[in-house]
Amino acid sequence: MAQAGIPQVDYRAITASDWESDPSGVIRSLSALGLPVFVKPARLGSSVGIGRVLEHAELAPALAAAFVHDPLVIVEASASGIEVECSVLGNDAPIASLPGEILLAAGESGWYDYEGQVHLGRHGADRARPDLRKRT
């Protein structure tokens, strides 16, 4: 996305070997992202293994949970605004869905976790056609 000029939140990529060799250093490197952050396996979808971290004490368990799924973990700063998803299926000939805006019943204080995706509408989330015009 950065190569296409699409704004992104600040993030850090953490390898399992970095975490195993210097967990305190990894935690220190993440402090620049502020809180909350989202900890996610780098190459997994549908929010599997993703944790929302609200307090520093939650970072280590969230990293450990994400490393169960992938030896590369992304830790992203939180951002306000709309959340738009687009599913992509396939490798050689990928097919993308239409984009959908995630509408959370809890507003900005909620987040779209695995349960919300699997049970859309039953766990405080709905999907709507997004307004993707540039916002100022």
C-alpha atoms as a PDB file:
ATOM      1  CA  MET A   1       0.000   0.000   0.000  1.00  0.00           C
ATOM      2  CA  ALA A   2       2.842   2.381   0.790  1.00  0.00           C
ATOM      3  CA  GLN A   3       4.230   1.963  -2.751  1.00  0.00           C
ATOM      4  CA  ALA A   4       0.817   3.021  -4.098  1.00  0.00           C
ATOM      5  CA  GLY A   5       0.756   6.106  -1.860  1.00  0.00           C
ATOM      6  CA  ILE A   6      -2.080   4.794   0.317  1.00  0.00           C
ATOM      7  CA  PRO A   7      -1.777   6.093   3.887  1.00  0.00           C
ATOM      8  CA  GLN A   8      -1.144   3.438   6.512  1.00  0.00           C
ATOM      9  CA  VAL A   9      -1.010   3.311  10.267  1.00  0.00           C
ATOM     10  CA  ASP A  10       2.418   3.008  11.871  1.00  0.00           C
ATOM     11  CA  TYR A  11       3.433  -0.600  12.455  1.00  0.00           C
ATOM     12  CA  ARG A  12       6.289  -2.891  13.434  1.00  0.00           C
ATOM     13  CA  ALA A  13       7.107  -6.330  12.040  1.00  0.00           C
ATOM     14  CA  ILE A  14       8.365  -8.722  14.720  1.00  0.00           C
ATOM     15  CA  THR A  15       9.924 -12.119  14.033  1.00  0.00           C
ATOM     16  CA  ALA A  16       9.673 -15.043  16.405  1.00  0.00           C
ATOM     17  CA  SER A  17      13.480 -15.105  16.643  1.00  0.00           C
ATOM     18  CA  ASP A  18      13.546 -11.401  17.667  1.00  0.00           C
ATOM     19  CA  TRP A  19      10.913 -12.121  20.316  1.00  0.00           C
ATOM     20  CA  GLU A  20      12.748 -15.189  21.636  1.00  0.00           C
ATOM     21  CA  SER A  21      16.142 -13.463  21.789  1.00  0.00           C
ATOM     22  CA  ASP A  22      15.078 -10.086  23.245  1.00  0.00           C
ATOM     23  CA  PRO A  23      11.460  -9.835  24.438  1.00  0.00           C
ATOM     24  CA  SER A  24      12.183  -6.707  26.505  1.00  0.00           C
ATOM     25  CA  GLY A  25      13.716  -4.977  23.475  1.00  0.00           C
ATOM     26  CA  VAL A  26      10.712  -5.900  21.341  1.00  0.00           C
ATOM     27  CA  ILE A  27       8.307  -4.486  23.927  1.00  0.00           C
ATOM     28  CA  ARG A  28      10.376  -1.263  24.105  1.00  0.00           C
ATOM     29  CA  SER A  29      10.326  -0.944  20.298  1.00  0.00           C
ATOM     30  CA  LEU A  30       6.525  -1.146  20.324  1.00  0.00           C
ATOM     31  CA  SER A  31       6.043   1.727  22.780  1.00  0.00           C
ATOM     32  CA  ALA A  32       6.296   4.269  19.932  1.00  0.00           C
ATOM     33  CA  LEU A  33       3.020   2.899  18.515  1.00  0.00           C
ATOM     34  CA  GLY A  34       1.035   3.948  21.589  1.00  0.00           C
ATOM     35  CA  LEU A  35      -2.077   2.085  22.718  1.00  0.00           C
ATOM     36  CA  PRO A  36      -4.298   0.467  21.681  1.00  0.00           C
ATOM     37  CA  VAL A  37      -2.471  -1.655  19.127  1.00  0.00           C
ATOM     38  CA  PHE A  38      -3.496  -4.678  17.091  1.00  0.00           C
ATOM     39  CA  VAL A  39      -1.205  -7.720  17.113  1.00  0.00           C
ATOM     40  CA  LYS A  40      -1.694 -10.039  14.156  1.00  0.00           C
ATOM     41  CA  PRO A  41      -0.088 -12.955  12.373  1.00  0.00           C
ATOM     42  CA  ALA A  42       1.368 -11.507   9.161  1.00  0.00           C
ATOM     43  CA  ARG A  43       0.008 -14.115   6.751  1.00  0.00           C
ATOM     44  CA  LEU A  44      -3.360 -15.184   8.075  1.00  0.00           C
ATOM     45  CA  GLY A  45      -6.840 -13.889   7.403  1.00  0.00           C
ATOM     46  CA  SER A  46     -10.278 -13.542   8.975  1.00  0.00           C
ATOM     47  CA  SER A  47      -8.842 -12.026  12.166  1.00  0.00           C
ATOM     48  CA  VAL A  48      -7.608 -15.445  13.355  1.00  0.00           C
ATOM     49  CA  GLY A  49      -4.912 -14.915  15.967  1.00  0.00           C
ATOM     50  CA  ILE A  50      -5.424 -11.150  16.152  1.00  0.00           C
ATOM     51  CA  GLY A  51      -5.497  -9.446  19.520  1.00  0.00           C
ATOM     52  CA  ARG A  52      -6.440  -5.912  20.486  1.00  0.00           C
ATOM     53  CA  VAL A  53      -4.038  -4.686  23.171  1.00  0.00           C
ATOM     54  CA  LEU A  54      -5.272  -1.951  25.479  1.00  0.00           C
ATOM     55  CA  GLU A  55      -2.586  -2.189  28.208  1.00  0.00           C
ATOM     56  CA  HIS A  56       1.162  -2.873  28.082  1.00  0.00           C
ATOM     57  CA  ALA A  57       0.718  -6.030  30.182  1.00  0.00           C
ATOM     58  CA  GLU A  58      -1.349  -7.540  27.339  1.00  0.00           C
ATOM     59  CA  LEU A  59       1.442  -7.241  24.728  1.00  0.00           C
ATOM     60  CA  ALA A  60       3.423 -10.376  25.607  1.00  0.00           C
ATOM     61  CA  PRO A  61       0.370 -12.699  25.661  1.00  0.00           C
ATOM     62  CA  ALA A  62      -0.926 -11.198  22.398  1.00  0.00           C
ATOM     63  CA  LEU A  63       2.451 -11.695  20.700  1.00  0.00           C
ATOM     64  CA  ALA A  64       2.655 -15.283  21.955  1.00  0.00           C
ATOM     65  CA  ALA A  65      -0.853 -15.992  20.612  1.00  0.00           C
ATOM     66  CA  ALA A  66      -0.020 -14.529  17.201  1.00  0.00           C
ATOM     67  CA  PHE A  67       3.271 -16.467  16.952  1.00  0.00           C
ATOM     68  CA  VAL A  68       1.267 -19.704  17.256  1.00  0.00           C
ATOM     69  CA  HIS A  69      -0.022 -18.960  13.744  1.00  0.00           C
ATOM     70  CA  ASP A  70       2.962 -17.320  12.036  1.00  0.00           C
ATOM     71  CA  PRO A  71       6.661 -16.674  12.843  1.00  0.00           C
ATOM     72  CA  LEU A  72       6.157 -13.127  11.541  1.00  0.00           C
ATOM     73  CA  VAL A  73       3.806 -10.838  13.463  1.00  0.00           C
ATOM     74  CA  ILE A  74       2.645  -7.317  12.638  1.00  0.00           C
ATOM     75  CA  VAL A  75       1.832  -4.866  15.429  1.00  0.00           C
ATOM     76  CA  GLU A  76      -0.250  -1.944  14.165  1.00  0.00           C
ATOM     77  CA  ALA A  77      -1.134   1.354  15.777  1.00  0.00           C
ATOM     78  CA  SER A  78      -4.827   2.038  16.133  1.00  0.00           C
ATOM     79  CA  ALA A  79      -6.549   4.553  13.864  1.00  0.00           C
ATOM     80  CA  SER A  80      -9.907   6.253  13.850  1.00  0.00           C
ATOM     81  CA  GLY A  81     -12.145   6.326  10.800  1.00  0.00           C
ATOM     82  CA  ILE A  82     -14.044   3.777   8.784  1.00  0.00           C
ATOM     83  CA  GLU A  83     -12.982   0.152   8.440  1.00  0.00           C
ATOM     84  CA  VAL A  84     -13.344  -1.324   4.975  1.00  0.00           C
ATOM     85  CA  GLU A  85     -12.739  -4.961   4.162  1.00  0.00           C
ATOM     86  CA  CYS A  86     -12.249  -6.716   0.854  1.00  0.00           C
ATOM     87  CA  SER A  87     -11.875 -10.473   0.698  1.00  0.00           C
ATOM     88  CA  VAL A  88      -9.514 -12.034  -1.815  1.00  0.00           C
ATOM     89  CA  LEU A  89      -9.645 -15.722  -2.702  1.00  0.00           C
ATOM     90  CA  GLY A  90      -7.054 -17.609  -4.708  1.00  0.00           C
ATOM     91  CA  ASN A  91      -3.398 -17.254  -5.585  1.00  0.00           C
ATOM     92  CA  ASP A  92      -2.729 -17.548  -9.316  1.00  0.00           C
ATOM     93  CA  ALA A  93      -6.055 -16.048 -10.387  1.00  0.00           C
ATOM     94  CA  PRO A  94      -7.310 -14.142  -7.329  1.00  0.00           C
ATOM     95  CA  ILE A  95     -10.922 -12.997  -7.115  1.00  0.00           C
ATOM     96  CA  ALA A  96     -11.826 -10.026  -4.917  1.00  0.00           C
ATOM     97  CA  SER A  97     -15.166  -9.259  -3.305  1.00  0.00           C
ATOM     98  CA  LEU A  98     -16.738  -5.836  -3.371  1.00  0.00           C
ATOM     99  CA  PRO A  99     -15.500  -3.644  -0.519  1.00  0.00           C
ATOM    100  CA  GLY A 100     -17.660  -3.501   2.573  1.00  0.00           C
ATOM    101  CA  GLU A 101     -17.634  -1.023   5.440  1.00  0.00           C
ATOM    102  CA  ILE A 102     -17.725  -2.605   8.884  1.00  0.00           C
ATOM    103  CA  LEU A 103     -20.301  -0.932  11.127  1.00  0.00           C
ATOM    104  CA  LEU A 104     -19.736  -1.692  14.794  1.00  0.00           C
ATOM    105  CA  ALA A 105     -22.553  -1.414  17.302  1.00  0.00           C
ATOM    106  CA  ALA A 106     -19.946  -0.308  19.873  1.00  0.00           C
ATOM    107  CA  GLY A 107     -18.609   2.406  17.537  1.00  0.00           C
ATOM    108  CA  GLU A 108     -14.916   3.294  17.822  1.00  0.00           C
ATOM    109  CA  SER A 109     -14.611   1.364  21.101  1.00  0.00           C
ATOM    110  CA  GLY A 110     -15.420  -1.948  19.405  1.00  0.00           C
ATOM    111  CA  TRP A 111     -13.431  -3.998  16.974  1.00  0.00           C
ATOM    112  CA  TYR A 112     -14.144  -6.519  14.266  1.00  0.00           C
ATOM    113  CA  ASP A 113     -12.762  -9.788  15.635  1.00  0.00           C
ATOM    114  CA  TYR A 114     -13.039 -13.336  14.299  1.00  0.00           C
ATOM    115  CA  GLU A 115     -16.381 -13.954  16.023  1.00  0.00           C
ATOM    116  CA  GLY A 116     -17.792 -10.789  14.462  1.00  0.00           C
ATOM    117  CA  GLN A 117     -16.726 -11.949  11.012  1.00  0.00           C
ATOM    118  CA  VAL A 118     -18.065 -15.468  11.379  1.00  0.00           C
ATOM    119  CA  HIS A 119     -21.360 -14.318  12.885  1.00  0.00           C
ATOM    120  CA  LEU A 120     -21.826 -11.021  11.035  1.00  0.00           C
ATOM    121  CA  GLY A 121     -24.690  -9.053  12.548  1.00  0.00           C
ATOM    122  CA  ARG A 122     -24.954 -11.252  15.651  1.00  0.00           C
ATOM    123  CA  HIS A 123     -21.956  -9.794  17.475  1.00  0.00           C
ATOM    124  CA  GLY A 124     -22.434  -6.075  17.000  1.00  0.00           C
ATOM    125  CA  ALA A 125     -21.133  -5.752  13.431  1.00  0.00           C
ATOM    126  CA  ASP A 126     -22.849  -5.219  10.115  1.00  0.00           C
ATOM    127  CA  ARG A 127     -21.514  -4.704   6.617  1.00  0.00           C
ATOM    128  CA  ALA A 128     -22.564  -1.834   4.370  1.00  0.00           C
ATOM    129  CA  ARG A 129     -21.515  -0.343   1.045  1.00  0.00           C
ATOM    130  CA  PRO A 130     -18.719   2.067   1.949  1.00  0.00           C
ATOM    131  CA  ASP A 131     -18.426   5.697   0.951  1.00  0.00           C
ATOM    132  CA  LEU A 132     -14.864   5.645  -0.376  1.00  0.00           C
ATOM    133  CA  ARG A 133     -14.705   9.283  -1.463  1.00  0.00           C
ATOM    134  CA  LYS A 134     -11.766  11.171  -0.025  1.00  0.00           C
ATOM    135  CA  ARG A 135     -12.558  12.533   3.417  1.00  0.00           C
ATOM    136  CA  THR A 136     -10.977  15.687   4.803  1.00  0.00           C
END
